[in-house]
């Protein structure tokens, strides 16, 4: 059963490593967690739109964490993962989920990529969207979450 609206954000304890620095989740700020894979064509196709949303909403206080979840053995090649992170412009902390522990913690039972989890400032799931049309749903959810919380000065 997938995560339900209102559930607490899981920890990232199962990550096999982190790229782009150390993971720091600030309390009181909304957080976007997105799963992707090097072998995922839709992930790569939608990444420019995601980068745009992250940039736009990062200025309003959105925190973002990427999770690379391998779908195939070839996806575990860390050289390819690092190259893809750089090529796709992923600048946020990227957790590597080679053992699928984060997949399980986020109840991503189908192993969907891309999948987007938006948590509110209290760390509760506000929205979850997956696949080709996930970005549109995510944009709507981000608009709502920032309409509820005025930007900090």
C-alpha atoms as a PDB file:
ATOM      1  CA  UNK A   1       0.000   0.000   0.000  1.00  0.00           C
ATOM      2  CA  UNK A   2       1.482   3.413  -0.974  1.00  0.00           C
ATOM      3  CA  UNK A   3       2.173   6.193   1.520  1.00  0.00           C
ATOM      4  CA  UNK A   4      -0.973   7.970   2.574  1.00  0.00           C
ATOM      5  CA  UNK A   5      -1.517  11.701   2.799  1.00  0.00           C
ATOM      6  CA  UNK A   6      -0.583  12.848   6.304  1.00  0.00           C
ATOM      7  CA  UNK A   7       2.056  10.167   6.921  1.00  0.00           C
ATOM      8  CA  UNK A   8       5.416  11.264   8.355  1.00  0.00           C
ATOM      9  CA  UNK A   9       8.420  11.585   6.068  1.00  0.00           C
ATOM     10  CA  UNK A  10      10.603   8.491   6.479  1.00  0.00           C
ATOM     11  CA  UNK A  11      14.264   8.769   7.429  1.00  0.00           C
ATOM     12  CA  UNK A  12      17.011   8.263   4.869  1.00  0.00           C
ATOM     13  CA  UNK A  13      18.874   5.719   7.014  1.00  0.00           C
ATOM     14  CA  UNK A  14      18.898   3.037   4.309  1.00  0.00           C
ATOM     15  CA  UNK A  15      20.871   5.080   1.762  1.00  0.00           C
ATOM     16  CA  UNK A  16      24.063   3.351   0.636  1.00  0.00           C
ATOM     17  CA  UNK A  17      25.726   6.754   0.080  1.00  0.00           C
ATOM     18  CA  UNK A  18      24.983  10.427  -0.571  1.00  0.00           C
ATOM     19  CA  UNK A  19      26.146  12.577  -3.478  1.00  0.00           C
ATOM     20  CA  UNK A  20      26.299  16.390  -3.509  1.00  0.00           C
ATOM     21  CA  UNK A  21      26.998  16.831   0.191  1.00  0.00           C
ATOM     22  CA  UNK A  22      25.472  15.924   3.495  1.00  0.00           C
ATOM     23  CA  UNK A  23      21.735  15.442   3.993  1.00  0.00           C
ATOM     24  CA  UNK A  24      20.177  18.177   6.155  1.00  0.00           C
ATOM     25  CA  UNK A  25      16.413  18.473   6.438  1.00  0.00           C
ATOM     26  CA  UNK A  26      15.361  21.738   8.093  1.00  0.00           C
ATOM     27  CA  UNK A  27      12.271  21.573  10.285  1.00  0.00           C
ATOM     28  CA  UNK A  28       9.537  23.978   9.307  1.00  0.00           C
ATOM     29  CA  UNK A  29      10.249  23.876   5.555  1.00  0.00           C
ATOM     30  CA  UNK A  30       8.383  21.894   2.892  1.00  0.00           C
ATOM     31  CA  UNK A  31      10.425  19.070   1.364  1.00  0.00           C
ATOM     32  CA  UNK A  32      10.275  17.465  -2.063  1.00  0.00           C
ATOM     33  CA  UNK A  33      11.700  13.956  -2.389  1.00  0.00           C
ATOM     34  CA  UNK A  34      12.000  12.593  -5.915  1.00  0.00           C
ATOM     35  CA  UNK A  35      13.000   9.100  -7.032  1.00  0.00           C
ATOM     36  CA  UNK A  36      14.776   8.649 -10.357  1.00  0.00           C
ATOM     37  CA  UNK A  37      17.040   6.132 -12.127  1.00  0.00           C
ATOM     38  CA  UNK A  38      19.795   6.386 -14.720  1.00  0.00           C
ATOM     39  CA  UNK A  39      17.857   3.972 -16.969  1.00  0.00           C
ATOM     40  CA  UNK A  40      14.602   5.970 -16.760  1.00  0.00           C
ATOM     41  CA  UNK A  41      13.848   7.828 -19.983  1.00  0.00           C
ATOM     42  CA  UNK A  42      10.878   9.701 -18.508  1.00  0.00           C
ATOM     43  CA  UNK A  43      13.070  10.846 -15.586  1.00  0.00           C
ATOM     44  CA  UNK A  44      15.577  12.376 -18.001  1.00  0.00           C
ATOM     45  CA  UNK A  45      12.846  13.850 -20.197  1.00  0.00           C
ATOM     46  CA  UNK A  46      11.082  15.519 -17.240  1.00  0.00           C
ATOM     47  CA  UNK A  47      14.236  16.627 -15.390  1.00  0.00           C
ATOM     48  CA  UNK A  48      14.381  20.124 -16.997  1.00  0.00           C
ATOM     49  CA  UNK A  49      10.802  20.810 -15.822  1.00  0.00           C
ATOM     50  CA  UNK A  50      11.642  19.458 -12.374  1.00  0.00           C
ATOM     51  CA  UNK A  51      14.792  21.626 -12.200  1.00  0.00           C
ATOM     52  CA  UNK A  52      12.613  24.654 -13.040  1.00  0.00           C
ATOM     53  CA  UNK A  53      10.129  23.848 -10.252  1.00  0.00           C
ATOM     54  CA  UNK A  54      12.952  23.259  -7.773  1.00  0.00           C
ATOM     55  CA  UNK A  55      14.624  26.573  -8.645  1.00  0.00           C
ATOM     56  CA  UNK A  56      11.365  28.529  -8.520  1.00  0.00           C
ATOM     57  CA  UNK A  57      10.173  26.995  -5.253  1.00  0.00           C
ATOM     58  CA  UNK A  58      13.615  26.776  -3.652  1.00  0.00           C
ATOM     59  CA  UNK A  59      13.524  30.569  -3.462  1.00  0.00           C
ATOM     60  CA  UNK A  60      10.316  30.177  -1.425  1.00  0.00           C
ATOM     61  CA  UNK A  61      11.914  27.713   1.009  1.00  0.00           C
ATOM     62  CA  UNK A  62      11.437  24.303  -0.649  1.00  0.00           C
ATOM     63  CA  UNK A  63      14.048  21.713   0.304  1.00  0.00           C
ATOM     64  CA  UNK A  64      14.725  18.934  -2.185  1.00  0.00           C
ATOM     65  CA  UNK A  65      16.255  15.473  -1.899  1.00  0.00           C
ATOM     66  CA  UNK A  66      16.857  13.220  -4.898  1.00  0.00           C
ATOM     67  CA  UNK A  67      16.900   9.436  -4.511  1.00  0.00           C
ATOM     68  CA  UNK A  68      18.558   7.326  -7.182  1.00  0.00           C
ATOM     69  CA  UNK A  69      16.793   3.965  -7.124  1.00  0.00           C
ATOM     70  CA  UNK A  70      18.353   1.434  -9.499  1.00  0.00           C
ATOM     71  CA  UNK A  71      15.918  -0.597 -11.562  1.00  0.00           C
ATOM     72  CA  UNK A  72      18.536  -2.858 -13.153  1.00  0.00           C
ATOM     73  CA  UNK A  73      22.016  -4.073 -12.227  1.00  0.00           C
ATOM     74  CA  UNK A  74      23.527  -1.569 -14.699  1.00  0.00           C
ATOM     75  CA  UNK A  75      21.918   1.274 -12.698  1.00  0.00           C
ATOM     76  CA  UNK A  76      24.238   0.498  -9.773  1.00  0.00           C
ATOM     77  CA  UNK A  77      27.338   1.673 -11.686  1.00  0.00           C
ATOM     78  CA  UNK A  78      28.281   4.699  -9.581  1.00  0.00           C
ATOM     79  CA  UNK A  79      30.352   6.246 -12.373  1.00  0.00           C
ATOM     80  CA  UNK A  80      27.244   6.328 -14.564  1.00  0.00           C
ATOM     81  CA  UNK A  81      25.139   7.668 -11.665  1.00  0.00           C
ATOM     82  CA  UNK A  82      27.644  10.492 -10.995  1.00  0.00           C
ATOM     83  CA  UNK A  83      27.800  11.355 -14.720  1.00  0.00           C
ATOM     84  CA  UNK A  84      24.001  11.427 -14.933  1.00  0.00           C
ATOM     85  CA  UNK A  85      23.702  13.584 -11.799  1.00  0.00           C
ATOM     86  CA  UNK A  86      26.057  16.096 -13.391  1.00  0.00           C
ATOM     87  CA  UNK A  87      24.511  15.916 -16.867  1.00  0.00           C
ATOM     88  CA  UNK A  88      20.949  16.293 -15.529  1.00  0.00           C
ATOM     89  CA  UNK A  89      21.900  19.217 -13.262  1.00  0.00           C
ATOM     90  CA  UNK A  90      20.939  17.471 -10.020  1.00  0.00           C
ATOM     91  CA  UNK A  91      22.516  19.776  -7.432  1.00  0.00           C
ATOM     92  CA  UNK A  92      20.524  18.756  -4.360  1.00  0.00           C
ATOM     93  CA  UNK A  93      21.687  15.948  -2.104  1.00  0.00           C
ATOM     94  CA  UNK A  94      21.157  12.654  -3.881  1.00  0.00           C
ATOM     95  CA  UNK A  95      20.674   9.543  -1.761  1.00  0.00           C
ATOM     96  CA  UNK A  96      21.719   6.288  -3.421  1.00  0.00           C
ATOM     97  CA  UNK A  97      19.273   3.458  -2.747  1.00  0.00           C
ATOM     98  CA  UNK A  98      21.179   0.436  -4.061  1.00  0.00           C
ATOM     99  CA  UNK A  99      19.573  -1.854  -1.445  1.00  0.00           C
ATOM    100  CA  UNK A 100      16.036  -0.468  -2.050  1.00  0.00           C
ATOM    101  CA  UNK A 101      15.640   0.396   1.625  1.00  0.00           C
ATOM    102  CA  UNK A 102      14.435   3.922   0.802  1.00  0.00           C
ATOM    103  CA  UNK A 103      12.071   2.501  -1.818  1.00  0.00           C
ATOM    104  CA  UNK A 104      10.563   0.403   0.979  1.00  0.00           C
ATOM    105  CA  UNK A 105      10.590   3.240   3.552  1.00  0.00           C
ATOM    106  CA  UNK A 106       8.648   5.493   1.145  1.00  0.00           C
ATOM    107  CA  UNK A 107       6.312   2.578   0.293  1.00  0.00           C
ATOM    108  CA  UNK A 108       7.196   2.826  -3.389  1.00  0.00           C
ATOM    109  CA  UNK A 109       6.111  -0.788  -3.796  1.00  0.00           C
ATOM    110  CA  UNK A 110       5.932  -0.691  -7.579  1.00  0.00           C
ATOM    111  CA  UNK A 111       9.399   0.845  -7.814  1.00  0.00           C
ATOM    112  CA  UNK A 112       8.085   3.802  -9.792  1.00  0.00           C
ATOM    113  CA  UNK A 113      10.423   6.345 -11.293  1.00  0.00           C
ATOM    114  CA  UNK A 114       9.952   9.177 -11.530  1.00  0.00           C
ATOM    115  CA  UNK A 115       7.905   9.568  -8.379  1.00  0.00           C
ATOM    116  CA  UNK A 116       7.558  12.766  -6.373  1.00  0.00           C
ATOM    117  CA  UNK A 117       6.686  13.027  -2.674  1.00  0.00           C
ATOM    118  CA  UNK A 118       5.860  16.483  -1.304  1.00  0.00           C
ATOM    119  CA  UNK A 119       5.947  16.914   2.469  1.00  0.00           C
ATOM    120  CA  UNK A 120       4.637  20.001   4.242  1.00  0.00           C
ATOM    121  CA  UNK A 121       6.563  22.079   6.785  1.00  0.00           C
ATOM    122  CA  UNK A 122       5.546  19.596   9.515  1.00  0.00           C
ATOM    123  CA  UNK A 123       7.044  16.657   7.598  1.00  0.00           C
ATOM    124  CA  UNK A 124       3.652  15.173   6.651  1.00  0.00           C
ATOM    125  CA  UNK A 125       2.942  13.857   3.166  1.00  0.00           C
ATOM    126  CA  UNK A 126       0.916  16.427   1.262  1.00  0.00           C
ATOM    127  CA  UNK A 127       1.062  14.972  -2.263  1.00  0.00           C
ATOM    128  CA  UNK A 128       2.472  12.039  -4.226  1.00  0.00           C
ATOM    129  CA  UNK A 129       2.653  11.846  -7.997  1.00  0.00           C
ATOM    130  CA  UNK A 130       4.373   9.496 -10.414  1.00  0.00           C
ATOM    131  CA  UNK A 131       5.160   8.982 -14.051  1.00  0.00           C
ATOM    132  CA  UNK A 132       4.896  11.099 -17.132  1.00  0.00           C
ATOM    133  CA  UNK A 133       2.233  13.460 -15.736  1.00  0.00           C
ATOM    134  CA  UNK A 134       3.672  13.678 -12.217  1.00  0.00           C
ATOM    135  CA  UNK A 135       5.291  17.082 -12.811  1.00  0.00           C
ATOM    136  CA  UNK A 136       1.919  18.726 -13.543  1.00  0.00           C
ATOM    137  CA  UNK A 137       0.430  17.298 -10.354  1.00  0.00           C
ATOM    138  CA  UNK A 138       3.530  18.310  -8.415  1.00  0.00           C
ATOM    139  CA  UNK A 139       3.311  21.898  -9.710  1.00  0.00           C
ATOM    140  CA  UNK A 140      -0.304  22.155  -8.544  1.00  0.00           C
ATOM    141  CA  UNK A 141       0.615  20.761  -5.111  1.00  0.00           C
ATOM    142  CA  UNK A 142       3.562  23.172  -4.785  1.00  0.00           C
ATOM    143  CA  UNK A 143       1.338  26.125  -5.707  1.00  0.00           C
ATOM    144  CA  UNK A 144      -1.098  25.077  -2.975  1.00  0.00           C
ATOM    145  CA  UNK A 145       1.545  24.474  -0.317  1.00  0.00           C
ATOM    146  CA  UNK A 146       3.131  27.882  -0.868  1.00  0.00           C
ATOM    147  CA  UNK A 147      -0.256  29.605  -1.018  1.00  0.00           C
ATOM    148  CA  UNK A 148      -0.833  28.229   2.516  1.00  0.00           C
ATOM    149  CA  UNK A 149       2.567  29.348   3.811  1.00  0.00           C
ATOM    150  CA  UNK A 150       3.797  32.845   3.058  1.00  0.00           C
ATOM    151  CA  UNK A 151       7.425  33.042   1.874  1.00  0.00           C
ATOM    152  CA  UNK A 152       9.936  33.842   4.584  1.00  0.00           C
ATOM    153  CA  UNK A 153      11.714  37.162   4.318  1.00  0.00           C
END
